[in-house]
């Protein structure tokens, strides 16, 4: 009996097993989404990054693809204070963040 020989040249080379996190990170980089995911991760980290006092009166709402963070603030006096603190808050938000850095913060007064 003869066995058909298949052409194996089209197969990808054997590779090592990869952790799911590593595979996902590679996919996000290839798809061009790593920066956006990095930006989005800032929103749940907000209370830890700015502290409980600021987090109680300022809530991040959205981030544009070019890194503009929109934050809703409870009162005009807090908005004024946070505008003065913007450089410090930017430094905290971007500390240790490779992809997905915030370029600008826009403070919005709650209605």
N, C-alpha and C. Protein backbone atom coordinates (compact mmCIF):
# COMPACT_ATOMS: atom_id res chain seq x y z
N UNK A 1 0.85 -1.16 0.00
CA UNK A 1 0.00 0.00 0.00
C UNK A 1 0.90 1.23 0.00
N UNK A 2 0.54 2.24 -0.76
CA UNK A 2 1.29 3.48 -0.86
C UNK A 2 0.59 4.57 -0.06
N UNK A 3 1.38 5.35 0.61
CA UNK A 3 0.84 6.48 1.36
C UNK A 3 1.13 7.77 0.60
N UNK A 4 0.16 8.63 0.58
CA UNK A 4 0.35 9.92 -0.10
C UNK A 4 1.27 10.79 0.75
N UNK A 5 2.21 11.39 0.08
CA UNK A 5 3.13 12.29 0.77
C UNK A 5 2.58 13.71 0.64
N UNK A 6 2.43 14.36 1.75
CA UNK A 6 1.91 15.74 1.70
C UNK A 6 3.07 16.72 1.78
N UNK A 7 2.87 17.80 1.13
CA UNK A 7 3.88 18.86 1.15
C UNK A 7 3.78 19.61 2.48
N UNK A 8 4.81 19.58 3.25
CA UNK A 8 4.80 20.21 4.58
C UNK A 8 5.46 21.59 4.56
N UNK A 9 5.79 22.10 3.40
CA UNK A 9 6.49 23.39 3.35
C UNK A 9 5.60 24.58 3.72
N UNK A 10 4.28 24.39 3.66
CA UNK A 10 3.36 25.49 3.98
C UNK A 10 3.07 25.59 5.47
N UNK A 11 3.51 24.64 6.23
CA UNK A 11 3.24 24.65 7.67
C UNK A 11 4.13 25.68 8.36
N UNK A 12 3.59 26.33 9.37
CA UNK A 12 4.45 27.25 10.12
C UNK A 12 5.49 26.46 10.91
N UNK A 13 6.63 27.05 11.18
CA UNK A 13 7.64 26.33 11.95
C UNK A 13 7.12 26.06 13.36
N UNK A 14 7.59 24.96 13.93
CA UNK A 14 7.17 24.63 15.29
C UNK A 14 7.66 25.72 16.23
N UNK A 15 6.82 26.06 17.18
CA UNK A 15 7.21 27.09 18.14
C UNK A 15 6.92 26.59 19.55
N UNK A 16 7.43 27.31 20.49
CA UNK A 16 7.25 26.92 21.89
C UNK A 16 5.86 27.36 22.37
N UNK A 17 5.34 26.72 23.41
CA UNK A 17 4.08 27.18 24.00
C UNK A 17 4.26 28.58 24.57
N UNK A 18 3.21 29.37 24.49
CA UNK A 18 3.27 30.76 24.93
C UNK A 18 2.14 31.01 25.93
N UNK A 19 2.42 31.77 26.96
CA UNK A 19 1.38 32.15 27.92
C UNK A 19 0.32 32.99 27.22
N UNK A 20 -0.91 32.87 27.68
CA UNK A 20 -2.01 33.61 27.06
C UNK A 20 -1.75 35.11 27.10
N UNK A 21 -1.26 35.62 28.22
CA UNK A 21 -0.98 37.06 28.33
C UNK A 21 0.04 37.50 27.30
N UNK A 22 1.06 36.68 27.09
CA UNK A 22 2.10 37.01 26.12
C UNK A 22 1.54 36.98 24.69
N UNK A 23 0.71 35.98 24.41
CA UNK A 23 0.11 35.88 23.08
C UNK A 23 -0.82 37.07 22.82
N UNK A 24 -1.61 37.43 23.82
CA UNK A 24 -2.53 38.55 23.67
C UNK A 24 -1.77 39.86 23.49
N UNK A 25 -0.72 40.04 24.26
CA UNK A 25 0.10 41.25 24.12
C UNK A 25 0.69 41.36 22.72
N UNK A 26 1.19 40.24 22.20
CA UNK A 26 1.74 40.23 20.84
C UNK A 26 0.68 40.57 19.80
N UNK A 27 -0.51 40.00 19.97
CA UNK A 27 -1.60 40.28 19.04
C UNK A 27 -1.98 41.77 19.08
N UNK A 28 -2.11 42.33 20.29
CA UNK A 28 -2.49 43.73 20.41
C UNK A 28 -1.46 44.65 19.76
N UNK A 29 -0.19 44.31 19.90
CA UNK A 29 0.86 45.11 19.26
C UNK A 29 0.76 45.02 17.75
N UNK A 30 0.60 43.80 17.23
CA UNK A 30 0.50 43.62 15.77
C UNK A 30 -0.74 44.30 15.21
N UNK A 31 -1.83 44.30 15.97
CA UNK A 31 -3.08 44.91 15.51
C UNK A 31 -3.10 46.43 15.73
N UNK A 32 -2.08 46.96 16.39
CA UNK A 32 -2.03 48.39 16.63
C UNK A 32 -2.93 48.85 17.76
N UNK A 33 -3.30 47.94 18.66
CA UNK A 33 -4.23 48.27 19.74
C UNK A 33 -3.58 48.40 21.10
N UNK A 34 -2.31 48.12 21.21
CA UNK A 34 -1.64 48.12 22.52
C UNK A 34 -1.73 49.49 23.19
N UNK A 35 -1.56 50.55 22.42
CA UNK A 35 -1.62 51.90 22.99
C UNK A 35 -3.01 52.19 23.55
N UNK A 36 -4.06 51.82 22.81
CA UNK A 36 -5.43 52.09 23.26
C UNK A 36 -5.77 51.28 24.50
N UNK A 37 -5.33 50.04 24.55
CA UNK A 37 -5.57 49.22 25.74
C UNK A 37 -4.84 49.82 26.93
N UNK A 38 -3.62 50.28 26.72
CA UNK A 38 -2.87 50.94 27.79
C UNK A 38 -3.58 52.18 28.29
N UNK A 39 -4.15 52.94 27.38
CA UNK A 39 -4.91 54.13 27.77
C UNK A 39 -6.15 53.73 28.57
N UNK A 40 -6.87 52.75 28.09
CA UNK A 40 -8.10 52.33 28.76
C UNK A 40 -7.83 51.79 30.16
N UNK A 41 -6.69 51.19 30.37
CA UNK A 41 -6.35 50.64 31.68
C UNK A 41 -6.22 51.74 32.73
N UNK A 42 -5.98 52.96 32.30
CA UNK A 42 -5.85 54.06 33.24
C UNK A 42 -7.16 54.33 33.97
N UNK A 43 -8.30 54.11 33.32
CA UNK A 43 -9.59 54.45 33.93
C UNK A 43 -9.85 53.64 35.21
N UNK A 44 -9.74 52.31 35.21
CA UNK A 44 -9.95 51.62 36.49
C UNK A 44 -8.84 51.90 37.52
N UNK A 45 -7.67 52.32 37.06
CA UNK A 45 -6.56 52.65 37.96
C UNK A 45 -6.67 54.05 38.55
N UNK A 46 -7.59 54.87 38.07
CA UNK A 46 -7.71 56.27 38.46
C UNK A 46 -7.67 56.49 39.99
N UNK A 47 -8.51 55.81 40.80
CA UNK A 47 -8.47 56.07 42.24
C UNK A 47 -7.10 55.81 42.87
N UNK A 48 -6.42 54.78 42.43
CA UNK A 48 -5.09 54.48 42.96
C UNK A 48 -4.08 55.53 42.51
N UNK A 49 -4.22 56.02 41.29
CA UNK A 49 -3.27 56.98 40.74
C UNK A 49 -3.39 58.37 41.36
N UNK A 50 -4.62 58.82 41.59
CA UNK A 50 -4.82 60.19 42.07
C UNK A 50 -5.14 60.28 43.56
N UNK A 51 -5.46 59.17 44.18
CA UNK A 51 -5.79 59.15 45.60
C UNK A 51 -7.29 59.28 45.83
N UNK A 52 -7.74 58.89 47.02
CA UNK A 52 -9.18 58.84 47.30
C UNK A 52 -9.86 60.20 47.32
N UNK A 53 -9.17 61.24 47.76
CA UNK A 53 -9.80 62.56 47.84
C UNK A 53 -10.14 63.09 46.45
N UNK A 54 -9.21 63.00 45.52
CA UNK A 54 -9.47 63.47 44.15
C UNK A 54 -10.44 62.53 43.45
N UNK A 55 -10.28 61.23 43.65
CA UNK A 55 -11.17 60.26 43.00
C UNK A 55 -12.62 60.45 43.44
N UNK A 56 -12.84 60.98 44.65
CA UNK A 56 -14.20 61.20 45.14
C UNK A 56 -14.91 62.33 44.40
N UNK A 57 -14.15 63.25 43.80
CA UNK A 57 -14.76 64.41 43.15
C UNK A 57 -14.49 64.49 41.65
N UNK A 58 -13.65 63.60 41.13
CA UNK A 58 -13.29 63.64 39.71
C UNK A 58 -13.32 62.22 39.14
N UNK A 59 -14.07 62.05 38.06
CA UNK A 59 -14.25 60.73 37.45
C UNK A 59 -13.83 60.77 35.98
N UNK A 60 -12.89 59.91 35.58
CA UNK A 60 -12.51 59.87 34.16
C UNK A 60 -13.66 59.33 33.32
N UNK A 61 -13.93 59.98 32.19
CA UNK A 61 -15.03 59.56 31.34
C UNK A 61 -14.57 58.87 30.07
N UNK A 62 -13.58 59.44 29.40
CA UNK A 62 -13.14 58.85 28.13
C UNK A 62 -11.73 59.32 27.81
N UNK A 63 -11.13 58.59 26.87
CA UNK A 63 -9.80 58.93 26.38
C UNK A 63 -9.83 58.86 24.86
N UNK A 64 -9.37 59.89 24.20
CA UNK A 64 -9.33 59.89 22.74
C UNK A 64 -8.12 59.10 22.26
N UNK A 65 -8.12 58.66 21.00
CA UNK A 65 -6.97 57.91 20.48
C UNK A 65 -5.64 58.66 20.59
N UNK A 66 -5.69 60.00 20.56
CA UNK A 66 -4.44 60.75 20.66
C UNK A 66 -4.05 61.07 22.10
N UNK A 67 -4.76 60.50 23.09
CA UNK A 67 -4.35 60.59 24.48
C UNK A 67 -4.96 61.70 25.30
N UNK A 68 -6.07 62.29 24.86
CA UNK A 68 -6.73 63.32 25.66
C UNK A 68 -7.70 62.64 26.61
N UNK A 69 -7.50 62.86 27.91
CA UNK A 69 -8.34 62.28 28.95
C UNK A 69 -9.39 63.31 29.37
N UNK A 70 -10.66 62.92 29.32
CA UNK A 70 -11.75 63.78 29.77
C UNK A 70 -12.18 63.32 31.15
N UNK A 71 -12.17 64.27 32.10
CA UNK A 71 -12.49 63.95 33.50
C UNK A 71 -13.62 64.85 33.95
N UNK A 72 -14.68 64.25 34.50
CA UNK A 72 -15.84 64.98 35.01
C UNK A 72 -15.57 65.34 36.48
N UNK A 73 -15.75 66.64 36.83
CA UNK A 73 -15.43 67.15 38.16
C UNK A 73 -16.71 67.65 38.83
N UNK A 74 -16.84 67.41 40.14
CA UNK A 74 -18.07 67.70 40.89
C UNK A 74 -18.40 69.19 40.99
N UNK A 75 -17.42 70.04 41.26
CA UNK A 75 -17.70 71.47 41.47
C UNK A 75 -16.68 72.33 40.74
N UNK A 76 -17.04 73.59 40.55
CA UNK A 76 -16.13 74.51 39.86
C UNK A 76 -14.88 74.79 40.70
N UNK A 77 -15.02 74.83 42.01
CA UNK A 77 -13.83 75.06 42.85
C UNK A 77 -12.86 73.88 42.75
N UNK A 78 -13.38 72.66 42.71
CA UNK A 78 -12.51 71.50 42.51
C UNK A 78 -11.90 71.52 41.12
N UNK A 79 -12.67 71.93 40.14
CA UNK A 79 -12.14 71.98 38.78
C UNK A 79 -10.96 72.96 38.71
N UNK A 80 -11.10 74.11 39.35
CA UNK A 80 -10.02 75.09 39.38
C UNK A 80 -8.78 74.50 40.07
N UNK A 81 -8.98 73.85 41.20
CA UNK A 81 -7.87 73.24 41.94
C UNK A 81 -7.18 72.17 41.09
N UNK A 82 -7.96 71.33 40.43
CA UNK A 82 -7.39 70.25 39.62
C UNK A 82 -6.66 70.79 38.39
N UNK A 83 -7.14 71.89 37.84
CA UNK A 83 -6.42 72.51 36.72
C UNK A 83 -5.03 72.95 37.16
N UNK A 84 -4.92 73.46 38.37
CA UNK A 84 -3.62 73.85 38.90
C UNK A 84 -2.73 72.64 39.18
N UNK A 85 -3.35 71.51 39.48
CA UNK A 85 -2.61 70.28 39.80
C UNK A 85 -2.34 69.41 38.57
N UNK A 86 -2.76 69.86 37.40
CA UNK A 86 -2.66 69.02 36.20
C UNK A 86 -1.25 68.46 35.95
N UNK A 87 -0.18 69.24 36.04
CA UNK A 87 1.15 68.64 35.80
C UNK A 87 1.46 67.48 36.74
N UNK A 88 1.11 67.63 38.02
CA UNK A 88 1.36 66.56 38.99
C UNK A 88 0.50 65.33 38.69
N UNK A 89 -0.76 65.56 38.36
CA UNK A 89 -1.66 64.44 38.04
C UNK A 89 -1.21 63.74 36.77
N UNK A 90 -0.78 64.50 35.77
CA UNK A 90 -0.26 63.89 34.53
C UNK A 90 0.94 63.00 34.84
N UNK A 91 1.83 63.47 35.70
CA UNK A 91 3.01 62.68 36.05
C UNK A 91 2.61 61.38 36.73
N UNK A 92 1.63 61.44 37.63
CA UNK A 92 1.17 60.23 38.32
C UNK A 92 0.50 59.26 37.35
N UNK A 93 -0.34 59.80 36.48
CA UNK A 93 -1.08 58.95 35.54
C UNK A 93 -0.14 58.26 34.56
N UNK A 94 0.89 58.95 34.12
CA UNK A 94 1.80 58.39 33.11
C UNK A 94 3.00 57.64 33.70
N UNK A 95 3.18 57.67 35.01
CA UNK A 95 4.33 57.00 35.63
C UNK A 95 4.30 55.50 35.33
N UNK A 96 5.39 55.01 34.78
CA UNK A 96 5.51 53.59 34.50
C UNK A 96 4.67 53.10 33.34
N UNK A 97 4.06 53.98 32.62
CA UNK A 97 3.18 53.60 31.51
C UNK A 97 3.96 53.73 30.21
N UNK A 98 4.24 52.60 29.58
CA UNK A 98 4.94 52.63 28.30
C UNK A 98 3.99 53.06 27.19
N UNK A 99 3.16 52.13 26.76
CA UNK A 99 2.16 52.44 25.74
C UNK A 99 0.95 53.06 26.42
N UNK A 100 0.27 53.91 25.71
CA UNK A 100 -0.98 54.46 26.22
C UNK A 100 -0.82 55.63 27.16
N UNK A 101 0.15 56.47 26.91
CA UNK A 101 0.35 57.64 27.75
C UNK A 101 -0.74 58.68 27.49
N UNK A 102 -1.08 59.42 28.53
CA UNK A 102 -2.06 60.50 28.43
C UNK A 102 -1.29 61.77 28.06
N UNK A 103 -1.78 62.50 27.05
CA UNK A 103 -1.09 63.70 26.59
C UNK A 103 -1.68 64.98 27.19
N UNK A 104 -2.98 64.97 27.46
CA UNK A 104 -3.67 66.16 27.96
C UNK A 104 -4.83 65.72 28.84
N UNK A 105 -5.15 66.51 29.85
CA UNK A 105 -6.36 66.27 30.64
C UNK A 105 -7.30 67.44 30.42
N UNK A 106 -8.54 67.14 30.08
CA UNK A 106 -9.59 68.15 29.93
C UNK A 106 -10.57 67.96 31.08
N UNK A 107 -10.70 68.98 31.91
CA UNK A 107 -11.58 68.92 33.07
C UNK A 107 -12.96 69.42 32.66
N UNK A 108 -14.00 68.65 32.97
CA UNK A 108 -15.37 68.99 32.61
C UNK A 108 -16.20 69.14 33.87
N UNK A 109 -16.95 70.21 33.96
CA UNK A 109 -17.79 70.45 35.14
C UNK A 109 -19.06 69.60 35.05
N UNK A 110 -19.38 68.89 36.14
CA UNK A 110 -20.62 68.11 36.18
C UNK A 110 -21.80 69.05 36.15
N UNK A 111 -22.89 68.56 35.62
CA UNK A 111 -24.10 69.38 35.51
C UNK A 111 -24.95 69.25 36.73
